[in-house]
């Protein structure tokens, strides 16, 4: 795997991790707390925790899904 592909994969994983954790925690805090005085603080704390949980998942799951799809549909020829 060349350096550009690795950089692209890391960038994609980090970007998706940040975006998804921000969106998901925003919705969950809004549903659970409503837009009260502590909303921003709860959202930021939840987002940080969500990011830390999602980070390793964002690197592991795509590899597992790729292996599964290779088994189901065959390897993609470049």
Foldseek 3Di string as FASTA:
>chain_A
DDPVVVVVLLVVLLVVLLVVLLVVLLVVLCVPPNPDPCSVVSSVVSSVVSSVVSNVVSVPVVVVVQVVCCVVPNDDDD
